[in-house]
Amino acid sequence: MSTRPHPVALRELLIAAPAKTFLLSGGPLLLALGQFLNSYLTGFSPLIALGFGLLMGCFAVVATGHHAAEYRLQTLEGQ
């Protein structure tokens, strides 16, 4: 018996919970893209927008990982 958890593909998460997956994975990335566009149009410092984009990217990765772990736990409890 393997003790390693089965990795969950993003496609699997999108099928199981599309809205939650999009909000946790795509939402922060779209927000970062919007901030880059805003900084370009208003002449705001691109370094601040870059820092915000990096933070939103990190948040998306961590939140999606947590969502995948939650999905794995629900799948295991359902078996």
N, C-alpha and C. Protein backbone atom coordinates (compact mmCIF):
# COMPACT_ATOMS: atom_id res chain seq x y z
N MET A 1 0.84 -1.17 0.00
CA MET A 1 0.00 0.00 0.00
C MET A 1 0.89 1.24 0.00
N SER A 2 0.60 2.15 -0.87
CA SER A 2 1.38 3.37 -0.99
C SER A 2 0.91 4.41 0.02
N THR A 3 1.85 5.10 0.64
CA THR A 3 1.47 6.14 1.59
C THR A 3 1.48 7.53 0.96
N ARG A 4 1.90 7.60 -0.31
CA ARG A 4 1.92 8.89 -1.00
C ARG A 4 0.53 9.20 -1.53
N PRO A 5 0.09 10.46 -1.37
CA PRO A 5 -1.22 10.82 -1.89
C PRO A 5 -1.21 10.91 -3.41
N HIS A 6 -2.33 10.56 -3.99
CA HIS A 6 -2.49 10.65 -5.45
C HIS A 6 -2.58 12.12 -5.84
N PRO A 7 -1.73 12.61 -6.73
CA PRO A 7 -1.81 14.02 -7.12
C PRO A 7 -3.11 14.29 -7.88
N VAL A 8 -3.73 15.39 -7.55
CA VAL A 8 -4.99 15.77 -8.18
C VAL A 8 -4.69 16.74 -9.30
N ALA A 9 -5.18 16.44 -10.49
CA ALA A 9 -4.99 17.33 -11.63
C ALA A 9 -5.95 18.50 -11.54
N LEU A 10 -5.54 19.62 -12.10
CA LEU A 10 -6.39 20.81 -12.09
C LEU A 10 -7.69 20.53 -12.83
N ARG A 11 -7.61 19.72 -13.87
CA ARG A 11 -8.82 19.36 -14.63
C ARG A 11 -9.81 18.63 -13.74
N GLU A 12 -9.31 17.76 -12.87
CA GLU A 12 -10.17 17.02 -11.95
C GLU A 12 -10.88 17.98 -10.99
N LEU A 13 -10.15 18.99 -10.51
CA LEU A 13 -10.75 19.98 -9.63
C LEU A 13 -11.78 20.82 -10.36
N LEU A 14 -11.49 21.16 -11.61
CA LEU A 14 -12.45 21.95 -12.39
C LEU A 14 -13.74 21.20 -12.63
N ILE A 15 -13.66 19.89 -12.81
CA ILE A 15 -14.87 19.09 -13.01
C ILE A 15 -15.66 18.98 -11.71
N ALA A 16 -14.97 18.79 -10.59
CA ALA A 16 -15.63 18.59 -9.31
C ALA A 16 -16.25 19.88 -8.76
N ALA A 17 -15.52 20.98 -8.82
CA ALA A 17 -16.00 22.25 -8.27
C ALA A 17 -15.50 23.39 -9.15
N PRO A 18 -16.17 23.66 -10.26
CA PRO A 18 -15.64 24.65 -11.21
C PRO A 18 -15.57 26.07 -10.66
N ALA A 19 -16.59 26.52 -9.95
CA ALA A 19 -16.60 27.90 -9.46
C ALA A 19 -15.50 28.13 -8.43
N LYS A 20 -15.40 27.22 -7.46
CA LYS A 20 -14.39 27.37 -6.41
C LYS A 20 -12.99 27.29 -6.98
N THR A 21 -12.78 26.38 -7.93
CA THR A 21 -11.46 26.25 -8.54
C THR A 21 -11.08 27.49 -9.31
N PHE A 22 -12.03 28.05 -10.06
CA PHE A 22 -11.73 29.26 -10.82
C PHE A 22 -11.45 30.43 -9.87
N LEU A 23 -12.22 30.56 -8.81
CA LEU A 23 -12.00 31.67 -7.88
C LEU A 23 -10.65 31.57 -7.17
N LEU A 24 -10.21 30.35 -6.88
CA LEU A 24 -8.95 30.18 -6.17
C LEU A 24 -7.73 30.17 -7.09
N SER A 25 -7.90 29.73 -8.33
CA SER A 25 -6.76 29.63 -9.25
C SER A 25 -6.71 30.79 -10.22
N GLY A 26 -7.81 31.04 -10.89
CA GLY A 26 -7.82 32.06 -11.93
C GLY A 26 -8.10 33.46 -11.43
N GLY A 27 -8.88 33.57 -10.38
CA GLY A 27 -9.25 34.89 -9.86
C GLY A 27 -8.06 35.75 -9.47
N PRO A 28 -7.15 35.24 -8.64
CA PRO A 28 -5.99 36.05 -8.27
C PRO A 28 -5.10 36.41 -9.46
N LEU A 29 -5.00 35.50 -10.43
CA LEU A 29 -4.17 35.79 -11.60
C LEU A 29 -4.81 36.87 -12.47
N LEU A 30 -6.14 36.83 -12.60
CA LEU A 30 -6.82 37.89 -13.34
C LEU A 30 -6.72 39.23 -12.61
N LEU A 31 -6.78 39.18 -11.29
CA LEU A 31 -6.62 40.40 -10.49
C LEU A 31 -5.22 40.99 -10.68
N ALA A 32 -4.21 40.16 -10.71
CA ALA A 32 -2.84 40.62 -10.95
C ALA A 32 -2.70 41.21 -12.35
N LEU A 33 -3.30 40.57 -13.33
CA LEU A 33 -3.27 41.09 -14.69
C LEU A 33 -3.96 42.45 -14.76
N GLY A 34 -5.08 42.59 -14.07
CA GLY A 34 -5.77 43.87 -14.02
C GLY A 34 -4.92 44.95 -13.35
N GLN A 35 -4.17 44.58 -12.34
CA GLN A 35 -3.30 45.55 -11.66
C GLN A 35 -2.16 45.99 -12.58
N PHE A 36 -1.60 45.06 -13.35
CA PHE A 36 -0.57 45.43 -14.33
C PHE A 36 -1.13 46.40 -15.36
N LEU A 37 -2.32 46.12 -15.84
CA LEU A 37 -2.96 47.00 -16.81
C LEU A 37 -3.23 48.37 -16.19
N ASN A 38 -3.69 48.38 -14.95
CA ASN A 38 -3.96 49.63 -14.25
C ASN A 38 -2.67 50.44 -14.06
N SER A 39 -1.59 49.79 -13.70
CA SER A 39 -0.34 50.51 -13.50
C SER A 39 0.19 51.07 -14.82
N TYR A 40 -0.04 50.36 -15.90
CA TYR A 40 0.39 50.84 -17.22
C TYR A 40 -0.43 52.06 -17.65
N LEU A 41 -1.73 51.99 -17.45
CA LEU A 41 -2.60 53.08 -17.89
C LEU A 41 -2.48 54.34 -17.03
N THR A 42 -2.21 54.18 -15.75
CA THR A 42 -2.15 55.34 -14.86
C THR A 42 -0.74 55.84 -14.61
N GLY A 43 0.26 55.12 -15.09
CA GLY A 43 1.64 55.54 -14.87
C GLY A 43 2.16 55.21 -13.49
N PHE A 44 1.50 54.29 -12.82
CA PHE A 44 1.90 53.86 -11.49
C PHE A 44 3.16 53.00 -11.60
N SER A 45 3.91 52.88 -10.54
CA SER A 45 5.17 52.14 -10.57
C SER A 45 4.94 50.67 -10.92
N PRO A 46 5.62 50.17 -11.95
CA PRO A 46 5.45 48.76 -12.31
C PRO A 46 6.06 47.81 -11.28
N LEU A 47 6.97 48.30 -10.45
CA LEU A 47 7.55 47.44 -9.41
C LEU A 47 6.51 47.04 -8.37
N ILE A 48 5.64 47.97 -8.03
CA ILE A 48 4.59 47.66 -7.06
C ILE A 48 3.60 46.67 -7.68
N ALA A 49 3.27 46.89 -8.95
CA ALA A 49 2.37 45.96 -9.64
C ALA A 49 3.02 44.58 -9.77
N LEU A 50 4.31 44.54 -9.99
CA LEU A 50 5.02 43.26 -10.09
C LEU A 50 5.00 42.53 -8.75
N GLY A 51 5.24 43.26 -7.67
CA GLY A 51 5.18 42.65 -6.33
C GLY A 51 3.79 42.13 -6.02
N PHE A 52 2.78 42.91 -6.38
CA PHE A 52 1.40 42.47 -6.17
C PHE A 52 1.11 41.23 -7.00
N GLY A 53 1.59 41.20 -8.23
CA GLY A 53 1.38 40.05 -9.10
C GLY A 53 2.05 38.80 -8.54
N LEU A 54 3.24 38.94 -8.02
CA LEU A 54 3.94 37.79 -7.41
C LEU A 54 3.19 37.27 -6.19
N LEU A 55 2.70 38.18 -5.37
CA LEU A 55 1.93 37.76 -4.19
C LEU A 55 0.64 37.06 -4.60
N MET A 56 -0.04 37.57 -5.60
CA MET A 56 -1.28 36.94 -6.06
C MET A 56 -0.99 35.57 -6.68
N GLY A 57 0.13 35.45 -7.38
CA GLY A 57 0.51 34.15 -7.94
C GLY A 57 0.80 33.14 -6.84
N CYS A 58 1.52 33.56 -5.81
CA CYS A 58 1.80 32.68 -4.67
C CYS A 58 0.51 32.29 -3.96
N PHE A 59 -0.39 33.26 -3.81
CA PHE A 59 -1.68 32.96 -3.17
C PHE A 59 -2.46 31.93 -3.99
N ALA A 60 -2.46 32.08 -5.31
CA ALA A 60 -3.19 31.14 -6.17
C ALA A 60 -2.62 29.73 -6.03
N VAL A 61 -1.30 29.61 -5.97
CA VAL A 61 -0.67 28.29 -5.84
C VAL A 61 -1.03 27.65 -4.50
N VAL A 62 -0.92 28.41 -3.43
CA VAL A 62 -1.20 27.86 -2.10
C VAL A 62 -2.68 27.53 -1.95
N ALA A 63 -3.55 28.42 -2.42
CA ALA A 63 -4.99 28.18 -2.29
C ALA A 63 -5.42 26.99 -3.14
N THR A 64 -4.86 26.83 -4.32
CA THR A 64 -5.21 25.69 -5.16
C THR A 64 -4.69 24.40 -4.53
N GLY A 65 -3.52 24.43 -3.92
CA GLY A 65 -3.00 23.25 -3.23
C GLY A 65 -3.88 22.86 -2.05
N HIS A 66 -4.38 23.85 -1.33
CA HIS A 66 -5.27 23.57 -0.20
C HIS A 66 -6.59 23.00 -0.72
N HIS A 67 -7.08 23.55 -1.80
CA HIS A 67 -8.32 23.05 -2.40
C HIS A 67 -8.15 21.60 -2.88
N ALA A 68 -6.99 21.29 -3.46
CA ALA A 68 -6.72 19.92 -3.91
C ALA A 68 -6.65 18.97 -2.72
N ALA A 69 -6.04 19.39 -1.63
CA ALA A 69 -5.97 18.54 -0.43
C ALA A 69 -7.37 18.32 0.14
N GLU A 70 -8.18 19.34 0.13
CA GLU A 70 -9.55 19.23 0.61
C GLU A 70 -10.35 18.25 -0.27
N TYR A 71 -10.15 18.34 -1.57
CA TYR A 71 -10.82 17.43 -2.51
C TYR A 71 -10.37 15.98 -2.30
N ARG A 72 -9.04 15.78 -2.11
CA ARG A 72 -8.53 14.43 -1.85
C ARG A 72 -9.14 13.85 -0.58
N LEU A 73 -9.25 14.68 0.46
CA LEU A 73 -9.82 14.22 1.73
C LEU A 73 -11.29 13.84 1.55
N GLN A 74 -12.03 14.65 0.84
CA GLN A 74 -13.44 14.33 0.59
C GLN A 74 -13.58 13.05 -0.23
N THR A 75 -12.67 12.85 -1.19
CA THR A 75 -12.71 11.65 -2.02
C THR A 75 -12.39 10.41 -1.17
N LEU A 76 -11.41 10.52 -0.29
CA LEU A 76 -11.06 9.39 0.56
C LEU A 76 -12.16 9.07 1.57
N GLU A 77 -12.79 10.09 2.11
CA GLU A 77 -13.88 9.85 3.07
C GLU A 77 -15.11 9.26 2.40
N GLY A 78 -15.26 9.56 1.10
CA GLY A 78 -16.41 9.03 0.38
C GLY A 78 -16.25 7.58 -0.02
N GLN A 79 -15.05 7.05 -0.01
CA GLN A 79 -14.83 5.67 -0.44
C GLN A 79 -15.14 4.69 0.66
